[in-house]
Amino acid sequence: MISTLIELQRLKRLERTGWMLRGLPAGAESVAAHSYGVAVVAMLLADELIARGVAVDVEKLLRIALLHDWAEVRVGDMPRTATEYFGADARRKAERAAFDDIVRDCGERHEKLYSELHEDYEQRASFEARLVKTADVIDLLLQTLAFERAGARGLDEFWEGISERHLQLEGTAQQVVGEIFEKLLKARRDIG
């Protein structure tokens, strides 16, 4: 377990590549900062859904949120544009292999659990995995909004089609996420 923890420490310094490619300065956001944001959004989203009568396995949700980007400690933070060159299958295969290598030192029982949770996230198999992906998008938009409030421009691509984005949610979950997206878009319009 210790070797895994030591390796994951590097996520605190690993830059989110997408921001650098768009001209934001070094140190704009680390993968660990993003993962923290995803976990917070996921927790608050789950709490809102539970308050509205939707069942959510919060422990599973938070575990997925915390480990969803661990593979990046070995393969780096590949921006969406990298997938155009490597292909989605090659990217998934590399991330899967990296993740499995990272958790190998956690002991067989934990390795199996973490690998199953990571695969669930990659396949969006469970409701909780889809909520984490949604939290990932919301955190990205929150960070984009923060940069734009600080004066950054040229980040329109992150907002394009957000209202129409289908995150494989239905019913109350889809409604809550729609409300969040509308509030984020309003906050962006209010920047002026």
N, C-alpha and C. Protein backbone atom coordinates (compact mmCIF):
# COMPACT_ATOMS: atom_id res chain seq x y z
N MET A 1 0.82 -1.19 0.00
CA MET A 1 0.00 0.00 0.00
C MET A 1 0.87 1.27 0.00
N ILE A 2 1.97 1.24 0.73
CA ILE A 2 2.82 2.44 0.85
C ILE A 2 3.36 2.87 -0.51
N SER A 3 3.78 1.92 -1.34
CA SER A 3 4.31 2.31 -2.65
C SER A 3 3.22 2.97 -3.51
N THR A 4 1.98 2.50 -3.37
CA THR A 4 0.87 3.13 -4.10
C THR A 4 0.65 4.55 -3.59
N LEU A 5 0.65 4.72 -2.29
CA LEU A 5 0.45 6.05 -1.71
C LEU A 5 1.56 7.01 -2.13
N ILE A 6 2.79 6.52 -2.11
CA ILE A 6 3.92 7.38 -2.52
C ILE A 6 3.76 7.79 -3.98
N GLU A 7 3.39 6.84 -4.83
CA GLU A 7 3.21 7.16 -6.25
C GLU A 7 2.07 8.15 -6.46
N LEU A 8 0.97 7.97 -5.76
CA LEU A 8 -0.18 8.86 -5.94
C LEU A 8 0.09 10.28 -5.47
N GLN A 9 1.11 10.47 -4.63
CA GLN A 9 1.49 11.82 -4.22
C GLN A 9 1.82 12.70 -5.42
N ARG A 10 2.32 12.09 -6.49
CA ARG A 10 2.70 12.85 -7.69
C ARG A 10 1.50 13.53 -8.34
N LEU A 11 0.28 13.04 -8.07
CA LEU A 11 -0.90 13.68 -8.66
C LEU A 11 -1.07 15.11 -8.15
N LYS A 12 -0.48 15.40 -6.99
CA LYS A 12 -0.58 16.75 -6.44
C LYS A 12 0.20 17.76 -7.29
N ARG A 13 1.20 17.27 -8.01
CA ARG A 13 2.03 18.15 -8.84
C ARG A 13 1.79 17.98 -10.33
N LEU A 14 1.03 16.96 -10.71
CA LEU A 14 0.77 16.69 -12.13
C LEU A 14 -0.24 17.70 -12.66
N GLU A 15 0.18 18.47 -13.64
CA GLU A 15 -0.66 19.53 -14.22
C GLU A 15 -1.79 18.95 -15.06
N ARG A 16 -2.93 19.61 -15.05
CA ARG A 16 -4.02 19.30 -15.97
C ARG A 16 -3.62 19.91 -17.32
N THR A 17 -3.34 19.05 -18.26
CA THR A 17 -2.78 19.44 -19.55
C THR A 17 -3.67 20.38 -20.34
N GLY A 18 -4.98 20.15 -20.29
CA GLY A 18 -5.90 20.97 -21.08
C GLY A 18 -5.76 22.46 -20.81
N TRP A 19 -5.50 22.82 -19.58
CA TRP A 19 -5.35 24.25 -19.25
C TRP A 19 -4.07 24.81 -19.85
N MET A 20 -2.99 24.04 -19.79
CA MET A 20 -1.72 24.50 -20.37
C MET A 20 -1.86 24.68 -21.88
N LEU A 21 -2.56 23.75 -22.54
CA LEU A 21 -2.75 23.85 -23.98
C LEU A 21 -3.56 25.08 -24.38
N ARG A 22 -4.30 25.62 -23.43
CA ARG A 22 -5.11 26.80 -23.71
C ARG A 22 -4.48 28.07 -23.16
N GLY A 23 -3.19 27.99 -22.82
CA GLY A 23 -2.44 29.18 -22.46
C GLY A 23 -2.50 29.60 -21.01
N LEU A 24 -3.11 28.80 -20.16
CA LEU A 24 -3.12 29.16 -18.74
C LEU A 24 -1.76 28.84 -18.13
N PRO A 25 -1.36 29.57 -17.12
CA PRO A 25 -0.01 29.39 -16.57
C PRO A 25 0.16 28.05 -15.83
N ALA A 26 1.39 27.63 -15.71
CA ALA A 26 1.72 26.44 -14.93
C ALA A 26 1.17 26.62 -13.52
N GLY A 27 0.68 25.54 -12.97
CA GLY A 27 0.11 25.59 -11.63
C GLY A 27 -1.36 25.96 -11.61
N ALA A 28 -1.98 26.04 -12.78
CA ALA A 28 -3.40 26.42 -12.85
C ALA A 28 -4.27 25.42 -12.10
N GLU A 29 -4.01 24.14 -12.31
CA GLU A 29 -4.76 23.10 -11.60
C GLU A 29 -4.01 21.78 -11.72
N SER A 30 -3.90 21.06 -10.61
CA SER A 30 -3.29 19.74 -10.64
C SER A 30 -4.37 18.68 -10.77
N VAL A 31 -3.97 17.48 -11.12
CA VAL A 31 -4.91 16.36 -11.20
C VAL A 31 -5.51 16.10 -9.82
N ALA A 32 -4.72 16.19 -8.76
CA ALA A 32 -5.23 15.96 -7.41
C ALA A 32 -6.26 17.02 -7.03
N ALA A 33 -6.02 18.27 -7.40
CA ALA A 33 -7.00 19.32 -7.11
C ALA A 33 -8.31 19.04 -7.84
N HIS A 34 -8.20 18.60 -9.09
CA HIS A 34 -9.39 18.24 -9.85
C HIS A 34 -10.11 17.07 -9.20
N SER A 35 -9.38 16.05 -8.78
CA SER A 35 -10.00 14.88 -8.15
C SER A 35 -10.73 15.28 -6.87
N TYR A 36 -10.13 16.18 -6.11
CA TYR A 36 -10.80 16.69 -4.91
C TYR A 36 -12.11 17.38 -5.29
N GLY A 37 -12.05 18.21 -6.32
CA GLY A 37 -13.26 18.90 -6.78
C GLY A 37 -14.33 17.93 -7.22
N VAL A 38 -13.95 16.88 -7.93
CA VAL A 38 -14.91 15.87 -8.38
C VAL A 38 -15.55 15.19 -7.18
N ALA A 39 -14.75 14.84 -6.17
CA ALA A 39 -15.29 14.18 -4.98
C ALA A 39 -16.28 15.09 -4.24
N VAL A 40 -15.96 16.37 -4.13
CA VAL A 40 -16.86 17.31 -3.44
C VAL A 40 -18.17 17.47 -4.23
N VAL A 41 -18.05 17.65 -5.54
CA VAL A 41 -19.25 17.78 -6.37
C VAL A 41 -20.09 16.50 -6.27
N ALA A 42 -19.43 15.34 -6.34
CA ALA A 42 -20.15 14.06 -6.27
C ALA A 42 -20.90 13.93 -4.94
N MET A 43 -20.25 14.30 -3.85
CA MET A 43 -20.90 14.21 -2.54
C MET A 43 -22.12 15.13 -2.46
N LEU A 44 -21.96 16.38 -2.88
CA LEU A 44 -23.07 17.32 -2.82
C LEU A 44 -24.20 16.91 -3.77
N LEU A 45 -23.85 16.41 -4.93
CA LEU A 45 -24.83 15.93 -5.89
C LEU A 45 -25.60 14.75 -5.29
N ALA A 46 -24.88 13.80 -4.70
CA ALA A 46 -25.53 12.65 -4.06
C ALA A 46 -26.46 13.10 -2.94
N ASP A 47 -26.00 14.03 -2.12
CA ASP A 47 -26.84 14.51 -1.02
C ASP A 47 -28.12 15.15 -1.52
N GLU A 48 -28.02 15.91 -2.61
CA GLU A 48 -29.22 16.53 -3.19
C GLU A 48 -30.17 15.47 -3.75
N LEU A 49 -29.61 14.47 -4.40
CA LEU A 49 -30.45 13.40 -4.95
C LEU A 49 -31.12 12.60 -3.84
N ILE A 50 -30.38 12.29 -2.80
CA ILE A 50 -30.95 11.56 -1.66
C ILE A 50 -32.08 12.38 -1.03
N ALA A 51 -31.88 13.70 -0.90
CA ALA A 51 -32.92 14.57 -0.34
C ALA A 51 -34.18 14.56 -1.21
N ARG A 52 -34.02 14.26 -2.50
CA ARG A 52 -35.16 14.21 -3.41
C ARG A 52 -35.66 12.78 -3.62
N GLY A 53 -35.20 11.87 -2.78
CA GLY A 53 -35.73 10.51 -2.79
C GLY A 53 -35.03 9.51 -3.69
N VAL A 54 -33.85 9.85 -4.19
CA VAL A 54 -33.11 8.95 -5.08
C VAL A 54 -32.08 8.17 -4.25
N ALA A 55 -32.02 6.86 -4.44
CA ALA A 55 -31.05 6.03 -3.72
C ALA A 55 -29.67 6.16 -4.37
N VAL A 56 -28.66 6.44 -3.55
CA VAL A 56 -27.28 6.56 -4.02
C VAL A 56 -26.39 5.84 -3.02
N ASP A 57 -25.49 5.01 -3.51
CA ASP A 57 -24.48 4.37 -2.68
C ASP A 57 -23.33 5.37 -2.55
N VAL A 58 -23.36 6.17 -1.50
CA VAL A 58 -22.41 7.27 -1.35
C VAL A 58 -20.97 6.76 -1.19
N GLU A 59 -20.80 5.68 -0.46
CA GLU A 59 -19.43 5.15 -0.31
C GLU A 59 -18.86 4.76 -1.66
N LYS A 60 -19.63 4.04 -2.45
CA LYS A 60 -19.17 3.65 -3.78
C LYS A 60 -18.89 4.88 -4.64
N LEU A 61 -19.78 5.83 -4.60
CA LEU A 61 -19.64 7.07 -5.36
C LEU A 61 -18.33 7.77 -5.02
N LEU A 62 -18.06 7.94 -3.74
CA LEU A 62 -16.85 8.66 -3.32
C LEU A 62 -15.58 7.86 -3.62
N ARG A 63 -15.64 6.55 -3.50
CA ARG A 63 -14.48 5.74 -3.87
C ARG A 63 -14.15 5.92 -5.35
N ILE A 64 -15.18 5.86 -6.20
CA ILE A 64 -14.96 6.04 -7.63
C ILE A 64 -14.41 7.43 -7.92
N ALA A 65 -14.97 8.45 -7.27
CA ALA A 65 -14.51 9.82 -7.49
C ALA A 65 -13.04 9.97 -7.12
N LEU A 66 -12.64 9.36 -6.01
CA LEU A 66 -11.26 9.50 -5.57
C LEU A 66 -10.26 8.78 -6.45
N LEU A 67 -10.66 7.67 -7.06
CA LEU A 67 -9.69 6.90 -7.84
C LEU A 67 -9.84 7.06 -9.36
N HIS A 68 -10.80 7.84 -9.81
CA HIS A 68 -11.09 7.87 -11.25
C HIS A 68 -9.92 8.34 -12.12
N ASP A 69 -9.00 9.12 -11.59
CA ASP A 69 -7.87 9.61 -12.39
C ASP A 69 -6.51 9.07 -11.94
N TRP A 70 -6.49 8.03 -11.13
CA TRP A 70 -5.22 7.49 -10.64
C TRP A 70 -4.28 7.09 -11.76
N ALA A 71 -4.80 6.56 -12.85
CA ALA A 71 -3.93 6.10 -13.94
C ALA A 71 -3.06 7.23 -14.49
N GLU A 72 -3.50 8.46 -14.32
CA GLU A 72 -2.77 9.59 -14.87
C GLU A 72 -1.40 9.77 -14.24
N VAL A 73 -1.19 9.19 -13.06
CA VAL A 73 0.12 9.28 -12.43
C VAL A 73 1.18 8.57 -13.29
N ARG A 74 0.74 7.63 -14.13
CA ARG A 74 1.67 6.90 -15.00
C ARG A 74 1.55 7.30 -16.47
N VAL A 75 0.36 7.60 -16.95
CA VAL A 75 0.20 7.93 -18.38
C VAL A 75 0.08 9.43 -18.63
N GLY A 76 0.00 10.21 -17.56
CA GLY A 76 -0.15 11.65 -17.71
C GLY A 76 -1.60 12.03 -17.94
N ASP A 77 -1.85 13.31 -17.89
CA ASP A 77 -3.19 13.84 -18.11
C ASP A 77 -3.34 14.10 -19.61
N MET A 78 -3.90 13.12 -20.30
CA MET A 78 -4.05 13.26 -21.75
C MET A 78 -5.31 14.08 -22.07
N PRO A 79 -5.15 15.18 -22.79
CA PRO A 79 -6.32 15.97 -23.16
C PRO A 79 -7.17 15.23 -24.19
N ARG A 80 -8.40 15.70 -24.36
CA ARG A 80 -9.29 15.08 -25.34
C ARG A 80 -8.65 14.99 -26.72
N THR A 81 -7.88 16.00 -27.08
CA THR A 81 -7.27 16.00 -28.41
C THR A 81 -6.31 14.83 -28.60
N ALA A 82 -5.69 14.34 -27.53
CA ALA A 82 -4.77 13.19 -27.65
C ALA A 82 -5.51 11.95 -28.13
N THR A 83 -6.76 11.82 -27.72
CA THR A 83 -7.55 10.65 -28.14
C THR A 83 -7.72 10.62 -29.66
N GLU A 84 -7.77 11.80 -30.28
CA GLU A 84 -7.89 11.86 -31.73
C GLU A 84 -6.68 11.23 -32.41
N TYR A 85 -5.53 11.29 -31.77
CA TYR A 85 -4.31 10.77 -32.36
C TYR A 85 -4.02 9.33 -31.93
N PHE A 86 -4.27 9.01 -30.68
CA PHE A 86 -3.99 7.67 -30.17
C PHE A 86 -5.16 6.72 -30.40
N GLY A 87 -6.36 7.28 -30.41
CA GLY A 87 -7.56 6.45 -30.49
C GLY A 87 -8.07 6.13 -29.10
N ALA A 88 -9.38 6.06 -28.98
CA ALA A 88 -10.01 5.82 -27.67
C ALA A 88 -9.62 4.46 -27.10
N ASP A 89 -9.53 3.44 -27.95
CA ASP A 89 -9.19 2.10 -27.45
C ASP A 89 -7.78 2.04 -26.89
N ALA A 90 -6.83 2.63 -27.59
CA ALA A 90 -5.44 2.63 -27.12
C ALA A 90 -5.33 3.40 -25.80
N ARG A 91 -6.04 4.50 -25.72
CA ARG A 91 -6.02 5.29 -24.49
C ARG A 91 -6.60 4.49 -23.32
N ARG A 92 -7.76 3.86 -23.54
CA ARG A 92 -8.40 3.06 -22.49
C ARG A 92 -7.49 1.91 -22.05
N LYS A 93 -6.89 1.26 -23.02
CA LYS A 93 -6.01 0.13 -22.71
C LYS A 93 -4.81 0.58 -21.87
N ALA A 94 -4.21 1.69 -22.25
CA ALA A 94 -3.06 2.22 -21.50
C ALA A 94 -3.46 2.61 -20.08
N GLU A 95 -4.59 3.29 -19.95
CA GLU A 95 -5.04 3.70 -18.61
C GLU A 95 -5.40 2.50 -17.75
N ARG A 96 -6.01 1.49 -18.35
CA ARG A 96 -6.37 0.28 -17.62
C ARG A 96 -5.12 -0.41 -17.10
N ALA A 97 -4.11 -0.58 -17.96
CA ALA A 97 -2.86 -1.24 -17.57
C ALA A 97 -2.15 -0.43 -16.47
N ALA A 98 -2.12 0.89 -16.62
CA ALA A 98 -1.47 1.74 -15.62
C ALA A 98 -2.20 1.63 -14.28
N PHE A 99 -3.52 1.69 -14.31
CA PHE A 99 -4.29 1.61 -13.08
C PHE A 99 -4.03 0.28 -12.38
N ASP A 100 -4.08 -0.81 -13.14
CA ASP A 100 -3.86 -2.13 -12.54
C ASP A 100 -2.47 -2.24 -11.91
N ASP A 101 -1.46 -1.66 -12.56
CA ASP A 101 -0.11 -1.68 -12.00
C ASP A 101 -0.03 -0.85 -10.72
N ILE A 102 -0.73 0.26 -10.69
CA ILE A 102 -0.70 1.14 -9.51
C ILE A 102 -1.30 0.45 -8.29
N VAL A 103 -2.40 -0.25 -8.46
CA VAL A 103 -3.09 -0.85 -7.30
C VAL A 103 -2.57 -2.25 -6.96
N ARG A 104 -1.66 -2.77 -7.74
CA ARG A 104 -1.14 -4.12 -7.51
C ARG A 104 -0.55 -4.29 -6.12
N ASP A 105 0.06 -3.24 -5.58
CA ASP A 105 0.70 -3.33 -4.26
C ASP A 105 -0.26 -3.09 -3.09
N CYS A 106 -1.53 -3.01 -3.39
CA CYS A 106 -2.52 -2.76 -2.32
C CYS A 106 -3.04 -4.05 -1.70
N GLY A 107 -2.57 -5.17 -2.16
CA GLY A 107 -3.08 -6.45 -1.67
C GLY A 107 -4.20 -6.93 -2.57
N GLU A 108 -4.32 -8.23 -2.69
CA GLU A 108 -5.23 -8.83 -3.66
C GLU A 108 -6.68 -8.36 -3.48
N ARG A 109 -7.16 -8.34 -2.25
CA ARG A 109 -8.56 -7.96 -2.00
C ARG A 109 -8.82 -6.51 -2.41
N HIS A 110 -7.93 -5.62 -2.02
CA HIS A 110 -8.10 -4.20 -2.35
C HIS A 110 -7.88 -3.96 -3.84
N GLU A 111 -6.90 -4.64 -4.41
CA GLU A 111 -6.62 -4.51 -5.84
C GLU A 111 -7.87 -4.86 -6.65
N LYS A 112 -8.53 -5.95 -6.28
CA LYS A 112 -9.74 -6.38 -6.99
C LYS A 112 -10.85 -5.34 -6.85
N LEU A 113 -11.07 -4.84 -5.64
CA LEU A 113 -12.10 -3.83 -5.40
C LEU A 113 -11.83 -2.57 -6.21
N TYR A 114 -10.60 -2.06 -6.15
CA TYR A 114 -10.28 -0.83 -6.86
C TYR A 114 -10.38 -1.00 -8.37
N SER A 115 -9.93 -2.15 -8.85
CA SER A 115 -10.01 -2.41 -10.29
C SER A 115 -11.47 -2.49 -10.75
N GLU A 116 -12.32 -3.12 -9.95
CA GLU A 116 -13.75 -3.20 -10.29
C GLU A 116 -14.38 -1.81 -10.31
N LEU A 117 -14.04 -0.98 -9.34
CA LEU A 117 -14.59 0.38 -9.30
C LEU A 117 -14.10 1.19 -10.50
N HIS A 118 -12.83 1.05 -10.84
CA HIS A 118 -12.29 1.78 -11.99
C HIS A 118 -12.97 1.33 -13.28
N GLU A 119 -13.16 0.05 -13.43
CA GLU A 119 -13.82 -0.48 -14.63
C GLU A 119 -15.28 -0.01 -14.69
N ASP A 120 -15.92 0.01 -13.55
CA ASP A 120 -17.30 0.53 -13.47
C ASP A 120 -17.33 1.96 -13.98
N TYR A 121 -16.37 2.78 -13.53
CA TYR A 121 -16.31 4.17 -13.98
C TYR A 121 -16.08 4.25 -15.49
N GLU A 122 -15.13 3.49 -15.97
CA GLU A 122 -14.81 3.53 -17.40
C GLU A 122 -15.99 3.10 -18.27
N GLN A 123 -16.76 2.15 -17.79
CA GLN A 123 -17.92 1.66 -18.55
C GLN A 123 -19.20 2.43 -18.23
N ARG A 124 -19.17 3.26 -17.19
CA ARG A 124 -20.37 3.96 -16.70
C ARG A 124 -21.47 2.95 -16.43
N ALA A 125 -21.07 1.83 -15.83
CA ALA A 125 -21.98 0.71 -15.62
C ALA A 125 -23.01 0.99 -14.52
N SER A 126 -22.62 1.65 -13.45
CA SER A 126 -23.54 1.89 -12.34
C SER A 126 -24.01 3.34 -12.34
N PHE A 127 -25.08 3.56 -11.64
CA PHE A 127 -25.59 4.92 -11.45
C PHE A 127 -24.53 5.80 -10.81
N GLU A 128 -23.82 5.24 -9.82
CA GLU A 128 -22.78 6.00 -9.13
C GLU A 128 -21.65 6.39 -10.08
N ALA A 129 -21.26 5.49 -10.97
CA ALA A 129 -20.21 5.81 -11.95
C ALA A 129 -20.67 6.94 -12.87
N ARG A 130 -21.93 6.92 -13.27
CA ARG A 130 -22.45 8.00 -14.13
C ARG A 130 -22.52 9.31 -13.36
N LEU A 131 -22.82 9.25 -12.07
CA LEU A 131 -22.81 10.47 -11.26
C LEU A 131 -21.40 11.03 -11.12
N VAL A 132 -20.40 10.16 -11.00
CA VAL A 132 -19.02 10.64 -10.91
C VAL A 132 -18.62 11.30 -12.22
N LYS A 133 -18.99 10.71 -13.35
CA LYS A 133 -18.68 11.34 -14.64
C LYS A 133 -19.35 12.71 -14.73
N THR A 134 -20.57 12.79 -14.24
CA THR A 134 -21.28 14.06 -14.21
C THR A 134 -20.56 15.06 -13.31
N ALA A 135 -20.10 14.59 -12.15
CA ALA A 135 -19.34 15.45 -11.24
C ALA A 135 -18.04 15.91 -11.89
N ASP A 136 -17.44 15.05 -12.69
CA ASP A 136 -16.22 15.39 -13.43
C ASP A 136 -16.49 16.56 -14.38
N VAL A 137 -17.61 16.50 -15.09
CA VAL A 137 -17.98 17.58 -16.01
C VAL A 137 -18.30 18.85 -15.24
N ILE A 138 -19.05 18.73 -14.15
CA ILE A 138 -19.40 19.91 -13.36
C ILE A 138 -18.16 20.57 -12.78
N ASP A 139 -17.21 19.76 -12.26
CA ASP A 139 -15.98 20.35 -11.73
C ASP A 139 -15.20 21.06 -12.82
N LEU A 140 -15.15 20.49 -14.02
CA LEU A 140 -14.48 21.14 -15.15
C LEU A 140 -15.13 22.50 -15.43
N LEU A 141 -16.45 22.55 -15.43
CA LEU A 141 -17.15 23.81 -15.70
C LEU A 141 -16.93 24.82 -14.57
N LEU A 142 -16.91 24.34 -13.33
CA LEU A 142 -16.64 25.24 -12.20
C LEU A 142 -15.24 25.85 -12.31
N GLN A 143 -14.27 25.02 -12.69
CA GLN A 143 -12.90 25.52 -12.85
C GLN A 143 -12.82 26.49 -14.02
N THR A 144 -13.51 26.18 -15.11
CA THR A 144 -13.55 27.08 -16.26
C THR A 144 -14.15 28.42 -15.85
N LEU A 145 -15.24 28.37 -15.12
CA LEU A 145 -15.89 29.60 -14.64
C LEU A 145 -14.93 30.40 -13.75
N ALA A 146 -14.21 29.73 -12.88
CA ALA A 146 -13.26 30.43 -12.01
C ALA A 146 -12.17 31.12 -12.84
N PHE A 147 -11.66 30.44 -13.86
CA PHE A 147 -10.65 31.05 -14.73
C PHE A 147 -11.22 32.24 -15.48
N GLU A 148 -12.44 32.11 -15.97
CA GLU A 148 -13.06 33.21 -16.71
C GLU A 148 -13.34 34.39 -15.79
N ARG A 149 -13.74 34.13 -14.57
CA ARG A 149 -13.95 35.23 -13.62
C ARG A 149 -12.64 35.96 -13.31
N ALA A 150 -11.53 35.23 -13.42
CA ALA A 150 -10.21 35.82 -13.18
C ALA A 150 -9.65 36.48 -14.43
N GLY A 151 -10.41 36.45 -15.53
CA GLY A 151 -9.99 37.15 -16.74
C GLY A 151 -9.58 36.28 -17.91
N ALA A 152 -9.53 34.97 -17.73
CA ALA A 152 -9.15 34.09 -18.85
C ALA A 152 -10.23 34.13 -19.93
N ARG A 153 -9.80 34.07 -21.16
CA ARG A 153 -10.74 34.04 -22.29
C ARG A 153 -10.35 32.89 -23.21
N GLY A 154 -11.21 32.60 -24.17
CA GLY A 154 -10.92 31.53 -25.12
C GLY A 154 -11.24 30.14 -24.60
N LEU A 155 -12.13 30.07 -23.61
CA LEU A 155 -12.50 28.77 -23.04
C LEU A 155 -13.93 28.36 -23.41
N ASP A 156 -14.46 28.97 -24.48
CA ASP A 156 -15.84 28.71 -24.90
C ASP A 156 -16.11 27.23 -25.19
N GLU A 157 -15.10 26.53 -25.70
CA GLU A 157 -15.29 25.14 -26.09
C GLU A 157 -15.80 24.26 -24.95
N PHE A 158 -15.46 24.63 -23.71
CA PHE A 158 -15.88 23.82 -22.57
C PHE A 158 -17.38 23.97 -22.29
N TRP A 159 -17.95 25.07 -22.75
CA TRP A 159 -19.36 25.35 -22.51
C TRP A 159 -20.25 24.89 -23.66
N GLU A 160 -19.67 24.67 -24.81
CA GLU A 160 -20.47 24.35 -26.00
C GLU A 160 -21.25 23.05 -25.82
N GLY A 161 -22.55 23.13 -26.06
CA GLY A 161 -23.43 21.98 -26.00
C GLY A 161 -23.70 21.43 -24.62
N ILE A 162 -23.36 22.21 -23.59
CA ILE A 162 -23.49 21.70 -22.23
C ILE A 162 -24.95 21.41 -21.86
N SER A 163 -25.87 22.23 -22.33
CA SER A 163 -27.28 22.01 -22.01
C SER A 163 -27.82 20.74 -22.65
N GLU A 164 -27.24 20.34 -23.76
CA GLU A 164 -27.70 19.15 -24.47
C GLU A 164 -26.89 17.91 -24.12
N ARG A 165 -25.90 18.06 -23.29
CA ARG A 165 -25.00 16.95 -22.98
C ARG A 165 -25.77 15.82 -22.30
N HIS A 166 -25.65 14.63 -22.83
CA HIS A 166 -26.33 13.47 -22.27
C HIS A 166 -25.33 12.67 -21.44
N LEU A 167 -25.59 12.57 -20.15
CA LEU A 167 -24.68 11.90 -19.24
C LEU A 167 -25.26 10.58 -18.73
N GLN A 168 -26.19 10.03 -19.47
CA GLN A 168 -26.81 8.75 -19.15
C GLN A 168 -27.55 8.77 -17.81
N LEU A 169 -28.15 9.91 -17.52
CA LEU A 169 -28.96 10.04 -16.32
C LEU A 169 -30.42 10.20 -16.73
N GLU A 170 -31.31 9.82 -15.83
CA GLU A 170 -32.73 9.94 -16.11
C GLU A 170 -33.45 10.53 -14.91
N GLY A 171 -34.69 10.91 -15.12
CA GLY A 171 -35.57 11.32 -14.04
C GLY A 171 -35.02 12.45 -13.19
N THR A 172 -35.11 12.25 -11.89
CA THR A 172 -34.69 13.28 -10.93
C THR A 172 -33.22 13.64 -11.09
N ALA A 173 -32.38 12.65 -11.34
CA ALA A 173 -30.94 12.92 -11.50
C ALA A 173 -30.71 13.84 -12.70
N GLN A 174 -31.36 13.56 -13.80
CA GLN A 174 -31.23 14.39 -14.99
C GLN A 174 -31.76 15.81 -14.71
N GLN A 175 -32.84 15.89 -13.97
CA GLN A 175 -33.42 17.20 -13.63
C GLN A 175 -32.46 18.02 -12.76
N VAL A 176 -31.89 17.39 -11.75
CA VAL A 176 -30.96 18.09 -10.85
C VAL A 176 -29.74 18.58 -11.63
N VAL A 177 -29.20 17.73 -12.48
CA VAL A 177 -28.02 18.12 -13.26
C VAL A 177 -28.38 19.25 -14.22
N GLY A 178 -29.55 19.19 -14.82
CA GLY A 178 -30.01 20.28 -15.69
C GLY A 178 -30.08 21.59 -14.94
N GLU A 179 -30.57 21.55 -13.70
CA GLU A 179 -30.64 22.76 -12.87
C GLU A 179 -29.24 23.30 -12.59
N ILE A 180 -28.30 22.40 -12.31
CA ILE A 180 -26.91 22.82 -12.04
C ILE A 180 -26.31 23.47 -13.28
N PHE A 181 -26.49 22.84 -14.44
CA PHE A 181 -25.95 23.40 -15.67
C PHE A 181 -26.54 24.79 -15.94
N GLU A 182 -27.83 24.94 -15.73
CA GLU A 182 -28.46 26.26 -15.95
C GLU A 182 -27.88 27.31 -15.03
N LYS A 183 -27.65 26.96 -13.76
CA LYS A 183 -27.07 27.91 -12.81
C LYS A 183 -25.63 28.27 -13.20
N LEU A 184 -24.88 27.28 -13.67
CA LEU A 184 -23.52 27.55 -14.12
C LEU A 184 -23.51 28.47 -15.34
N LEU A 185 -24.40 28.20 -16.28
CA LEU A 185 -24.48 29.05 -17.47
C LEU A 185 -24.90 30.47 -17.10
N LYS A 186 -25.80 30.61 -16.15
CA LYS A 186 -26.22 31.94 -15.69
C LYS A 186 -25.05 32.66 -15.03
N ALA A 187 -24.31 31.95 -14.19
CA ALA A 187 -23.14 32.55 -13.54
C ALA A 187 -22.12 33.02 -14.58
N ARG A 188 -21.98 32.26 -15.65
CA ARG A 188 -21.06 32.64 -16.72
C ARG A 188 -21.57 33.90 -17.44
N ARG A 189 -22.86 33.95 -17.75
CA ARG A 189 -23.44 35.12 -18.40
C ARG A 189 -23.29 36.37 -17.53
N ASP A 190 -23.35 36.19 -16.21
CA ASP A 190 -23.25 37.31 -15.28
C ASP A 190 -21.85 37.91 -15.21
N ILE A 191 -20.85 37.20 -15.75
CA ILE A 191 -19.49 37.74 -15.76
C ILE A 191 -19.46 39.04 -16.57
N GLY A 192 -20.22 39.03 -17.67
CA GLY A 192 -20.32 40.24 -18.50
C GLY A 192 -19.29 40.35 -19.47
